[in-house]
Structures are given as C-alpha cells and as structure tokens.
Amino acid sequence: MEGELEKLIKMRTDLDLYADESRNRLEQKLEKMVKSVMVGALNSIEMDMGFLWGHGETELTPIQDQMRLVYEKVRTSIFDKGNSEIKKIKTELNNYSVGLKQGGITLPVVGERNEKRS
C-alpha cells in the first residue's frame, strides 16, 4: 500500500512539473510574439516614415532633429505599452491550467491470421 501511495505522489509531482513547464513554454512563446509585433511595427514605421527624421543619415536638419525626438517618444511609448501587455499576459496565465498537446501516432494492431492459402 505504501508503494502505491509513493507512486501516486510521484505521478502527481510529475504532472505538476509538466504543467509548470507547459505554462512557462507558452508564456515565453507569447512574450516573443508580442515583442515581434512591437519590433515589426516600429520597423514598418522606420521604413515608411524614417525619412522624416533622417533614418540612416548621419547629419540631420533641424526639422529632422525635432522629428527624431517625436519618433523616440512614440517608440518608447510602443515598447512601454507592449511590455505592460506582456506583464498582463503573464498574470492572466496564472489563472489557467496549461498542458502542451504532444503529437502522437496511433498504429493499428494487426493480429496474426492462421488461414491456409490454397
């Protein structure tokens, strides 16, 4: 009886560990996705509007210098909001049980036939 109890405790511990690992994995993937959105959005802004603040240039005009300050403010705001959402996601994930669905294959079992062939 004592051996069965130890097995059940170990199974429960393994399941808890698996759930924690699954949650951490999901948390990391979601964080990476949000960061990719932030960086991608900023990249799009830089590529389409970067000429306004002399993106890639070494010497800036006074207007470009002013626009660069505006862009830096917008950039900081985007990162702050994105990081805030990442924290909210992490907090929200604590309310859920998470389990990774692992792929698997079920193979049919073919029994032996004892039929004589003519």
C-alpha atoms as a PDB file:
ATOM      1  CA  MET A   1       0.000   0.000   0.000  1.00  0.00           C
ATOM      2  CA  GLU A   2       2.817   2.389   0.863  1.00  0.00           C
ATOM      3  CA  GLY A   3       4.456   1.786  -2.529  1.00  0.00           C
ATOM      4  CA  GLU A   4       1.242   2.739  -4.328  1.00  0.00           C
ATOM      5  CA  LEU A   5       0.986   5.968  -2.371  1.00  0.00           C
ATOM      6  CA  GLU A   6       4.557   6.889  -3.326  1.00  0.00           C
ATOM      7  CA  LYS A   7       3.760   6.137  -6.976  1.00  0.00           C
ATOM      8  CA  LEU A   8       0.672   8.382  -6.831  1.00  0.00           C
ATOM      9  CA  ILE A   9       2.637  11.194  -5.195  1.00  0.00           C
ATOM     10  CA  LYS A  10       5.362  10.887  -7.844  1.00  0.00           C
ATOM     11  CA  MET A  11       2.771  10.869 -10.638  1.00  0.00           C
ATOM     12  CA  ARG A  12       1.152  13.999  -9.180  1.00  0.00           C
ATOM     13  CA  THR A  13       4.548  15.695  -8.852  1.00  0.00           C
ATOM     14  CA  ASP A  14       5.391  14.793 -12.451  1.00  0.00           C
ATOM     15  CA  LEU A  15       2.047  16.170 -13.658  1.00  0.00           C
ATOM     16  CA  ASP A  16       2.571  19.411 -11.732  1.00  0.00           C
ATOM     17  CA  LEU A  17       6.071  19.749 -13.154  1.00  0.00           C
ATOM     18  CA  TYR A  18       4.757  19.077 -16.679  1.00  0.00           C
ATOM     19  CA  ALA A  19       2.028  21.712 -16.226  1.00  0.00           C
ATOM     20  CA  ASP A  20       4.575  24.256 -14.979  1.00  0.00           C
ATOM     21  CA  GLU A  21       6.891  23.553 -17.910  1.00  0.00           C
ATOM     22  CA  SER A  22       3.986  23.830 -20.364  1.00  0.00           C
ATOM     23  CA  ARG A  23       2.862  27.149 -18.866  1.00  0.00           C
ATOM     24  CA  ASN A  24       6.398  28.535 -18.945  1.00  0.00           C
ATOM     25  CA  ARG A  25       6.804  27.455 -22.551  1.00  0.00           C
ATOM     26  CA  LEU A  26       3.521  29.135 -23.541  1.00  0.00           C
ATOM     27  CA  GLU A  27       4.472  32.262 -21.593  1.00  0.00           C
ATOM     28  CA  GLN A  28       7.807  32.508 -23.413  1.00  0.00           C
ATOM     29  CA  LYS A  29       6.194  31.997 -26.824  1.00  0.00           C
ATOM     30  CA  LEU A  30       3.535  34.636 -26.171  1.00  0.00           C
ATOM     31  CA  GLU A  31       6.153  37.091 -24.915  1.00  0.00           C
ATOM     32  CA  LYS A  32       8.205  36.546 -28.056  1.00  0.00           C
ATOM     33  CA  MET A  33       5.131  37.089 -30.236  1.00  0.00           C
ATOM     34  CA  VAL A  34       4.245  40.393 -28.550  1.00  0.00           C
ATOM     35  CA  LYS A  35       7.850  41.579 -28.836  1.00  0.00           C
ATOM     36  CA  SER A  36       7.869  40.607 -32.528  1.00  0.00           C
ATOM     37  CA  VAL A  37       4.741  42.697 -33.088  1.00  0.00           C
ATOM     38  CA  MET A  38       6.327  45.702 -31.366  1.00  0.00           C
ATOM     39  CA  VAL A  39       9.589  45.455 -33.298  1.00  0.00           C
ATOM     40  CA  GLY A  40       7.772  44.751 -36.575  1.00  0.00           C
ATOM     41  CA  ALA A  41       5.520  47.780 -36.122  1.00  0.00           C
ATOM     42  CA  LEU A  42       8.486  50.022 -35.388  1.00  0.00           C
ATOM     43  CA  ASN A  43      10.347  48.633 -38.382  1.00  0.00           C
ATOM     44  CA  SER A  44       7.390  49.427 -40.636  1.00  0.00           C
ATOM     45  CA  ILE A  45       7.265  52.979 -39.290  1.00  0.00           C
ATOM     46  CA  GLU A  46      11.008  53.406 -39.802  1.00  0.00           C
ATOM     47  CA  MET A  47      10.923  52.037 -43.339  1.00  0.00           C
ATOM     48  CA  ASP A  48       7.939  54.131 -44.488  1.00  0.00           C
ATOM     49  CA  MET A  49       8.432  57.306 -42.468  1.00  0.00           C
ATOM     50  CA  GLY A  50      12.085  57.275 -41.439  1.00  0.00           C
ATOM     51  CA  PHE A  51      12.937  59.957 -43.984  1.00  0.00           C
ATOM     52  CA  LEU A  52      11.113  62.426 -41.719  1.00  0.00           C
ATOM     53  CA  TRP A  53      13.782  62.127 -39.023  1.00  0.00           C
ATOM     54  CA  GLY A  54      16.713  61.205 -41.246  1.00  0.00           C
ATOM     55  CA  HIS A  55      16.682  57.484 -40.510  1.00  0.00           C
ATOM     56  CA  GLY A  56      20.061  56.096 -41.542  1.00  0.00           C
ATOM     57  CA  GLU A  57      21.582  59.531 -42.087  1.00  0.00           C
ATOM     58  CA  THR A  58      24.446  60.952 -40.054  1.00  0.00           C
ATOM     59  CA  GLU A  59      23.703  64.663 -40.334  1.00  0.00           C
ATOM     60  CA  LEU A  60      20.191  65.859 -39.536  1.00  0.00           C
ATOM     61  CA  THR A  61      18.402  69.083 -40.397  1.00  0.00           C
ATOM     62  CA  PRO A  62      16.761  70.961 -37.518  1.00  0.00           C
ATOM     63  CA  ILE A  63      13.347  69.650 -38.597  1.00  0.00           C
ATOM     64  CA  GLN A  64      14.653  66.068 -38.795  1.00  0.00           C
ATOM     65  CA  ASP A  65      16.149  66.501 -35.344  1.00  0.00           C
ATOM     66  CA  GLN A  66      12.745  67.564 -33.979  1.00  0.00           C
ATOM     67  CA  MET A  67      11.034  64.649 -35.744  1.00  0.00           C
ATOM     68  CA  ARG A  68      13.630  62.280 -34.319  1.00  0.00           C
ATOM     69  CA  LEU A  69      12.623  63.355 -30.810  1.00  0.00           C
ATOM     70  CA  VAL A  70       8.954  62.743 -31.653  1.00  0.00           C
ATOM     71  CA  TYR A  71       9.797  59.310 -33.067  1.00  0.00           C
ATOM     72  CA  GLU A  72      11.816  58.380 -29.956  1.00  0.00           C
ATOM     73  CA  LYS A  73       8.834  59.342 -27.782  1.00  0.00           C
ATOM     74  CA  VAL A  74       6.481  57.196 -29.902  1.00  0.00           C
ATOM     75  CA  ARG A  75       8.974  54.318 -29.900  1.00  0.00           C
ATOM     76  CA  THR A  76       9.287  54.406 -26.108  1.00  0.00           C
ATOM     77  CA  SER A  77       5.507  54.523 -25.757  1.00  0.00           C
ATOM     78  CA  ILE A  78       5.071  51.467 -28.014  1.00  0.00           C
ATOM     79  CA  PHE A  79       7.630  49.463 -26.029  1.00  0.00           C
ATOM     80  CA  ASP A  80       6.135  50.541 -22.694  1.00  0.00           C
ATOM     81  CA  LYS A  81       2.628  49.520 -23.769  1.00  0.00           C
ATOM     82  CA  GLY A  82       3.842  46.236 -25.224  1.00  0.00           C
ATOM     83  CA  ASN A  83       5.807  45.369 -22.089  1.00  0.00           C
ATOM     84  CA  SER A  84       2.758  46.226 -19.993  1.00  0.00           C
ATOM     85  CA  GLU A  85       0.684  43.790 -22.073  1.00  0.00           C
ATOM     86  CA  ILE A  86       3.333  41.093 -21.615  1.00  0.00           C
ATOM     87  CA  LYS A  87       3.015  41.511 -17.833  1.00  0.00           C
ATOM     88  CA  LYS A  88      -0.786  41.244 -18.117  1.00  0.00           C
ATOM     89  CA  ILE A  89      -0.456  38.060 -20.180  1.00  0.00           C
ATOM     90  CA  LYS A  90       1.849  36.516 -17.581  1.00  0.00           C
ATOM     91  CA  THR A  91      -0.573  37.425 -14.789  1.00  0.00           C
ATOM     92  CA  GLU A  92      -3.547  36.066 -16.736  1.00  0.00           C
ATOM     93  CA  LEU A  93      -1.772  32.776 -17.470  1.00  0.00           C
ATOM     94  CA  ASN A  94      -1.620  32.127 -13.718  1.00  0.00           C
ATOM     95  CA  ASN A  95      -5.415  31.677 -13.821  1.00  0.00           C
ATOM     96  CA  TYR A  96      -5.221  28.694 -16.173  1.00  0.00           C
ATOM     97  CA  SER A  97      -4.026  25.129 -16.214  1.00  0.00           C
ATOM     98  CA  VAL A  98      -1.863  24.674 -19.259  1.00  0.00           C
ATOM     99  CA  GLY A  99      -0.826  21.438 -20.900  1.00  0.00           C
ATOM    100  CA  LEU A 100       1.128  21.014 -24.090  1.00  0.00           C
ATOM    101  CA  LYS A 101      -0.593  18.768 -26.604  1.00  0.00           C
ATOM    102  CA  GLN A 102       2.043  16.452 -27.877  1.00  0.00           C
ATOM    103  CA  GLY A 103       1.636  14.845 -31.230  1.00  0.00           C
ATOM    104  CA  GLY A 104       1.345  11.136 -31.418  1.00  0.00           C
ATOM    105  CA  ILE A 105       0.521   8.346 -33.796  1.00  0.00           C
ATOM    106  CA  THR A 106      -1.835   5.501 -33.089  1.00  0.00           C
ATOM    107  CA  LEU A 107      -0.877   2.453 -35.065  1.00  0.00           C
ATOM    108  CA  PRO A 108      -3.446  -0.256 -35.664  1.00  0.00           C
ATOM    109  CA  VAL A 109      -2.636  -3.671 -34.262  1.00  0.00           C
ATOM    110  CA  VAL A 110      -2.914  -6.365 -36.868  1.00  0.00           C
ATOM    111  CA  GLY A 111      -3.485  -9.820 -35.488  1.00  0.00           C
ATOM    112  CA  GLU A 112      -1.933 -12.963 -36.931  1.00  0.00           C
ATOM    113  CA  ARG A 113      -4.056 -14.999 -39.275  1.00  0.00           C
ATOM    114  CA  ASN A 114      -3.874 -18.723 -39.211  1.00  0.00           C
ATOM    115  CA  GLU A 115      -5.558 -19.186 -42.548  1.00  0.00           C
ATOM    116  CA  LYS A 116      -4.294 -21.667 -45.075  1.00  0.00           C
ATOM    117  CA  ARG A 117      -3.784 -20.323 -48.517  1.00  0.00           C
ATOM    118  CA  SER A 118      -4.649 -22.507 -51.438  1.00  0.00           C
END
